[in-house]
Amino acid sequence: MYLRLDKSPRFLLDYGNVREAVEMLGEPSLRNVRQCIVDIRRQKLPDPGVFGNAGSFFKNPMVDVSVLSAVQADFPEVPFYTMPESGRVKIPAGWLIEKAGWKGQSLGNAAVHKNQALVLINKGHATGREILTLAEAIEADIRYKFNITLQREVNVVE
């Protein structure tokens, strides 16, 4: 097996506000793209030295177009990404969690981060059970409000 690597980089900047952030730093380059991603993550994600977390807790759900249409009836602005290979669409889990009112909310010592709804944090002395209880409450609420089942991105060891 052989791999042919392109010697000139192609930057994929069409995710979120990456293109605009890179342009603020100058021309697209490895250095500027890296710095842009680091800056965006610092703004959105908790400092693990302050709040313990497992990063992105839920996967973005892939749903049928009919489910998207049902969500669009109440939220026409719902972001989604077409998955051509499956004929389905992906809806950002963070958007669903935020629209359901969980962003910044706590259950005991476990909380949803105030800047990034996909991240569950330990506010100090949360047990694994408290984190799991929060995750289960979010999953149930998203299923009830949007008829969408969230899947965890993290592995839970009990």
C-alpha atoms as a PDB file:
ATOM      1  CA  MET A   1       0.000   0.000   0.000  1.00  0.00           C
ATOM      2  CA  TYR A   2       1.266   3.443  -0.911  1.00  0.00           C
ATOM      3  CA  LEU A   3       0.086   6.833   0.186  1.00  0.00           C
ATOM      4  CA  ARG A   4       0.546   9.916  -1.909  1.00  0.00           C
ATOM      5  CA  LEU A   5       0.719  13.038   0.211  1.00  0.00           C
ATOM      6  CA  ASP A   6       0.150  16.488  -1.169  1.00  0.00           C
ATOM      7  CA  LYS A   7       3.106  18.770  -0.482  1.00  0.00           C
ATOM      8  CA  SER A   8       1.030  21.939  -0.439  1.00  0.00           C
ATOM      9  CA  PRO A   9      -1.447  22.194   2.428  1.00  0.00           C
ATOM     10  CA  ARG A  10      -5.180  22.586   1.857  1.00  0.00           C
ATOM     11  CA  PHE A  11      -6.836  24.205   4.835  1.00  0.00           C
ATOM     12  CA  LEU A  12     -10.458  23.280   5.537  1.00  0.00           C
ATOM     13  CA  LEU A  13     -11.748  26.410   7.227  1.00  0.00           C
ATOM     14  CA  ASP A  14     -15.511  26.077   6.733  1.00  0.00           C
ATOM     15  CA  TYR A  15     -16.348  25.002  10.272  1.00  0.00           C
ATOM     16  CA  GLY A  16     -17.978  27.470  12.630  1.00  0.00           C
ATOM     17  CA  ASN A  17     -16.122  30.763  12.668  1.00  0.00           C
ATOM     18  CA  VAL A  18     -12.686  29.298  11.860  1.00  0.00           C
ATOM     19  CA  ARG A  19     -12.282  31.131   8.542  1.00  0.00           C
ATOM     20  CA  GLU A  20     -12.950  34.541  10.103  1.00  0.00           C
ATOM     21  CA  ALA A  21     -10.682  33.810  13.071  1.00  0.00           C
ATOM     22  CA  VAL A  22      -7.815  32.706  10.817  1.00  0.00           C
ATOM     23  CA  GLU A  23      -8.228  35.799   8.628  1.00  0.00           C
ATOM     24  CA  MET A  24      -7.898  37.988  11.734  1.00  0.00           C
ATOM     25  CA  LEU A  25      -4.475  36.394  12.285  1.00  0.00           C
ATOM     26  CA  GLY A  26      -3.401  36.886   8.649  1.00  0.00           C
ATOM     27  CA  GLU A  27      -3.007  34.456   5.766  1.00  0.00           C
ATOM     28  CA  PRO A  28      -4.021  30.796   6.217  1.00  0.00           C
ATOM     29  CA  SER A  29      -0.922  28.959   7.429  1.00  0.00           C
ATOM     30  CA  LEU A  30      -0.276  26.036   9.738  1.00  0.00           C
ATOM     31  CA  ARG A  31       0.739  28.468  12.465  1.00  0.00           C
ATOM     32  CA  ASN A  32      -2.363  30.676  12.091  1.00  0.00           C
ATOM     33  CA  VAL A  33      -4.811  27.763  11.823  1.00  0.00           C
ATOM     34  CA  ARG A  34      -3.292  26.133  14.906  1.00  0.00           C
ATOM     35  CA  GLN A  35      -3.403  29.381  16.879  1.00  0.00           C
ATOM     36  CA  CYS A  36      -6.999  29.982  15.794  1.00  0.00           C
ATOM     37  CA  ILE A  37      -8.111  26.536  17.008  1.00  0.00           C
ATOM     38  CA  VAL A  38      -6.249  26.962  20.308  1.00  0.00           C
ATOM     39  CA  ASP A  39      -7.894  30.373  20.845  1.00  0.00           C
ATOM     40  CA  ILE A  40     -11.395  29.093  20.030  1.00  0.00           C
ATOM     41  CA  ARG A  41     -10.988  26.119  22.372  1.00  0.00           C
ATOM     42  CA  ARG A  42      -9.763  28.354  25.209  1.00  0.00           C
ATOM     43  CA  GLN A  43     -12.857  30.538  24.818  1.00  0.00           C
ATOM     44  CA  LYS A  44     -15.343  27.656  24.691  1.00  0.00           C
ATOM     45  CA  LEU A  45     -13.886  24.896  26.824  1.00  0.00           C
ATOM     46  CA  PRO A  46     -13.244  24.808  30.555  1.00  0.00           C
ATOM     47  CA  ASP A  47      -9.697  24.833  31.848  1.00  0.00           C
ATOM     48  CA  PRO A  48      -9.159  21.251  33.124  1.00  0.00           C
ATOM     49  CA  GLY A  49      -7.034  22.690  35.923  1.00  0.00           C
ATOM     50  CA  VAL A  50     -10.148  24.481  37.216  1.00  0.00           C
ATOM     51  CA  PHE A  51     -12.994  22.104  36.275  1.00  0.00           C
ATOM     52  CA  GLY A  52     -12.513  18.400  35.739  1.00  0.00           C
ATOM     53  CA  ASN A  53     -14.244  17.284  32.551  1.00  0.00           C
ATOM     54  CA  ALA A  54     -14.209  14.605  29.888  1.00  0.00           C
ATOM     55  CA  GLY A  55     -14.433  16.995  26.968  1.00  0.00           C
ATOM     56  CA  SER A  56     -17.275  16.513  24.512  1.00  0.00           C
ATOM     57  CA  PHE A  57     -19.729  14.218  26.333  1.00  0.00           C
ATOM     58  CA  PHE A  58     -22.321  13.573  23.597  1.00  0.00           C
ATOM     59  CA  LYS A  59     -22.062  12.730  19.901  1.00  0.00           C
ATOM     60  CA  ASN A  60     -23.869  14.836  17.322  1.00  0.00           C
ATOM     61  CA  PRO A  61     -26.932  12.720  16.507  1.00  0.00           C
ATOM     62  CA  MET A  62     -27.594  11.563  12.948  1.00  0.00           C
ATOM     63  CA  VAL A  63     -31.328  11.632  12.278  1.00  0.00           C
ATOM     64  CA  ASP A  64     -33.748  11.117   9.421  1.00  0.00           C
ATOM     65  CA  VAL A  65     -34.823  14.200   7.486  1.00  0.00           C
ATOM     66  CA  SER A  66     -38.331  13.759   8.929  1.00  0.00           C
ATOM     67  CA  VAL A  67     -36.936  14.307  12.451  1.00  0.00           C
ATOM     68  CA  LEU A  68     -35.124  17.443  11.246  1.00  0.00           C
ATOM     69  CA  SER A  69     -38.376  18.710   9.712  1.00  0.00           C
ATOM     70  CA  ALA A  70     -40.179  18.215  13.023  1.00  0.00           C
ATOM     71  CA  VAL A  71     -37.479  20.193  14.864  1.00  0.00           C
ATOM     72  CA  GLN A  72     -37.552  22.918  12.180  1.00  0.00           C
ATOM     73  CA  ALA A  73     -41.292  23.373  12.759  1.00  0.00           C
ATOM     74  CA  ASP A  74     -40.457  24.909  16.163  1.00  0.00           C
ATOM     75  CA  PHE A  75     -36.858  26.005  15.500  1.00  0.00           C
ATOM     76  CA  PRO A  76     -36.381  26.993  11.827  1.00  0.00           C
ATOM     77  CA  GLU A  77     -32.842  28.122  12.641  1.00  0.00           C
ATOM     78  CA  VAL A  78     -31.655  24.642  13.714  1.00  0.00           C
ATOM     79  CA  PRO A  79     -28.178  24.030  12.293  1.00  0.00           C
ATOM     80  CA  PHE A  80     -27.652  20.730  10.496  1.00  0.00           C
ATOM     81  CA  TYR A  81     -25.162  19.002   8.253  1.00  0.00           C
ATOM     82  CA  THR A  82     -26.231  16.703   5.434  1.00  0.00           C
ATOM     83  CA  MET A  83     -24.634  13.274   5.450  1.00  0.00           C
ATOM     84  CA  PRO A  84     -24.831  12.345   1.735  1.00  0.00           C
ATOM     85  CA  GLU A  85     -23.596   8.783   2.204  1.00  0.00           C
ATOM     86  CA  SER A  86     -26.515   7.932   4.515  1.00  0.00           C
ATOM     87  CA  GLY A  87     -29.262  10.303   3.400  1.00  0.00           C
ATOM     88  CA  ARG A  88     -29.511  11.506   7.000  1.00  0.00           C
ATOM     89  CA  VAL A  89     -28.588  14.771   8.703  1.00  0.00           C
ATOM     90  CA  LYS A  90     -26.479  15.567  11.736  1.00  0.00           C
ATOM     91  CA  ILE A  91     -27.800  18.038  14.295  1.00  0.00           C
ATOM     92  CA  PRO A  92     -25.297  19.481  16.784  1.00  0.00           C
ATOM     93  CA  ALA A  93     -25.897  17.941  20.215  1.00  0.00           C
ATOM     94  CA  GLY A  94     -24.667  21.135  21.852  1.00  0.00           C
ATOM     95  CA  TRP A  95     -27.393  23.120  20.082  1.00  0.00           C
ATOM     96  CA  LEU A  96     -30.074  20.673  21.266  1.00  0.00           C
ATOM     97  CA  ILE A  97     -28.775  20.784  24.848  1.00  0.00           C
ATOM     98  CA  GLU A  98     -28.636  24.582  24.818  1.00  0.00           C
ATOM     99  CA  LYS A  99     -32.157  24.920  23.330  1.00  0.00           C
ATOM    100  CA  ALA A 100     -33.452  22.540  25.995  1.00  0.00           C
ATOM    101  CA  GLY A 101     -32.133  24.943  28.639  1.00  0.00           C
ATOM    102  CA  TRP A 102     -29.295  22.856  30.082  1.00  0.00           C
ATOM    103  CA  LYS A 103     -26.329  25.105  29.253  1.00  0.00           C
ATOM    104  CA  GLY A 104     -24.865  26.344  32.558  1.00  0.00           C
ATOM    105  CA  GLN A 105     -27.259  24.234  34.670  1.00  0.00           C
ATOM    106  CA  SER A 106     -26.215  22.013  37.592  1.00  0.00           C
ATOM    107  CA  LEU A 107     -27.404  18.890  39.314  1.00  0.00           C
ATOM    108  CA  GLY A 108     -25.531  18.611  42.574  1.00  0.00           C
ATOM    109  CA  ASN A 109     -21.819  19.053  41.925  1.00  0.00           C
ATOM    110  CA  ALA A 110     -22.123  18.179  38.225  1.00  0.00           C
ATOM    111  CA  ALA A 111     -22.910  20.834  35.651  1.00  0.00           C
ATOM    112  CA  VAL A 112     -23.149  21.650  31.976  1.00  0.00           C
ATOM    113  CA  HIS A 113     -20.397  24.126  31.121  1.00  0.00           C
ATOM    114  CA  LYS A 114     -21.625  27.705  30.709  1.00  0.00           C
ATOM    115  CA  ASN A 115     -19.773  28.240  27.401  1.00  0.00           C
ATOM    116  CA  GLN A 116     -20.053  24.816  25.762  1.00  0.00           C
ATOM    117  CA  ALA A 117     -23.182  22.727  26.256  1.00  0.00           C
ATOM    118  CA  LEU A 118     -21.448  19.502  25.152  1.00  0.00           C
ATOM    119  CA  VAL A 119     -19.099  19.562  28.137  1.00  0.00           C
ATOM    120  CA  LEU A 120     -20.157  18.247  31.530  1.00  0.00           C
ATOM    121  CA  ILE A 121     -17.988  19.492  34.370  1.00  0.00           C
ATOM    122  CA  ASN A 122     -17.187  18.539  37.938  1.00  0.00           C
ATOM    123  CA  LYS A 123     -17.744  21.665  40.036  1.00  0.00           C
ATOM    124  CA  GLY A 124     -15.608  20.324  42.833  1.00  0.00           C
ATOM    125  CA  HIS A 125     -16.633  17.074  44.420  1.00  0.00           C
ATOM    126  CA  ALA A 126     -19.033  15.431  41.970  1.00  0.00           C
ATOM    127  CA  THR A 127     -19.187  11.675  42.056  1.00  0.00           C
ATOM    128  CA  GLY A 128     -19.318   9.578  38.924  1.00  0.00           C
ATOM    129  CA  ARG A 129     -22.960   8.878  39.779  1.00  0.00           C
ATOM    130  CA  GLU A 130     -23.705  12.657  39.818  1.00  0.00           C
ATOM    131  CA  ILE A 131     -22.141  13.102  36.364  1.00  0.00           C
ATOM    132  CA  LEU A 132     -24.080  10.104  35.045  1.00  0.00           C
ATOM    133  CA  THR A 133     -27.334  11.349  36.613  1.00  0.00           C
ATOM    134  CA  LEU A 134     -26.867  14.703  34.878  1.00  0.00           C
ATOM    135  CA  ALA A 135     -26.133  12.978  31.555  1.00  0.00           C
ATOM    136  CA  GLU A 136     -29.224  10.770  31.914  1.00  0.00           C
ATOM    137  CA  ALA A 137     -31.418  13.784  32.720  1.00  0.00           C
ATOM    138  CA  ILE A 138     -30.155  15.598  29.617  1.00  0.00           C
ATOM    139  CA  GLU A 139     -30.681  12.509  27.442  1.00  0.00           C
ATOM    140  CA  ALA A 140     -34.257  12.075  28.703  1.00  0.00           C
ATOM    141  CA  ASP A 141     -35.062  15.758  28.177  1.00  0.00           C
ATOM    142  CA  ILE A 142     -33.696  15.799  24.608  1.00  0.00           C
ATOM    143  CA  ARG A 143     -35.653  12.637  23.807  1.00  0.00           C
ATOM    144  CA  TYR A 144     -38.835  14.227  25.226  1.00  0.00           C
ATOM    145  CA  LYS A 145     -38.423  17.685  23.634  1.00  0.00           C
ATOM    146  CA  PHE A 146     -36.983  16.727  20.234  1.00  0.00           C
ATOM    147  CA  ASN A 147     -37.636  12.985  19.828  1.00  0.00           C
ATOM    148  CA  ILE A 148     -33.876  12.539  19.413  1.00  0.00           C
ATOM    149  CA  THR A 149     -31.727  10.066  21.297  1.00  0.00           C
ATOM    150  CA  LEU A 150     -28.313  11.348  22.327  1.00  0.00           C
ATOM    151  CA  GLN A 151     -25.394   8.944  22.423  1.00  0.00           C
ATOM    152  CA  ARG A 152     -22.488   9.423  24.768  1.00  0.00           C
ATOM    153  CA  GLU A 153     -19.085  10.064  23.315  1.00  0.00           C
ATOM    154  CA  VAL A 154     -17.381   9.102  26.558  1.00  0.00           C
ATOM    155  CA  ASN A 155     -17.016   5.556  27.861  1.00  0.00           C
ATOM    156  CA  VAL A 156     -18.738   5.038  31.206  1.00  0.00           C
ATOM    157  CA  VAL A 157     -17.147   2.424  33.439  1.00  0.00           C
ATOM    158  CA  GLU A 158     -19.368   1.274  36.287  1.00  0.00           C
END
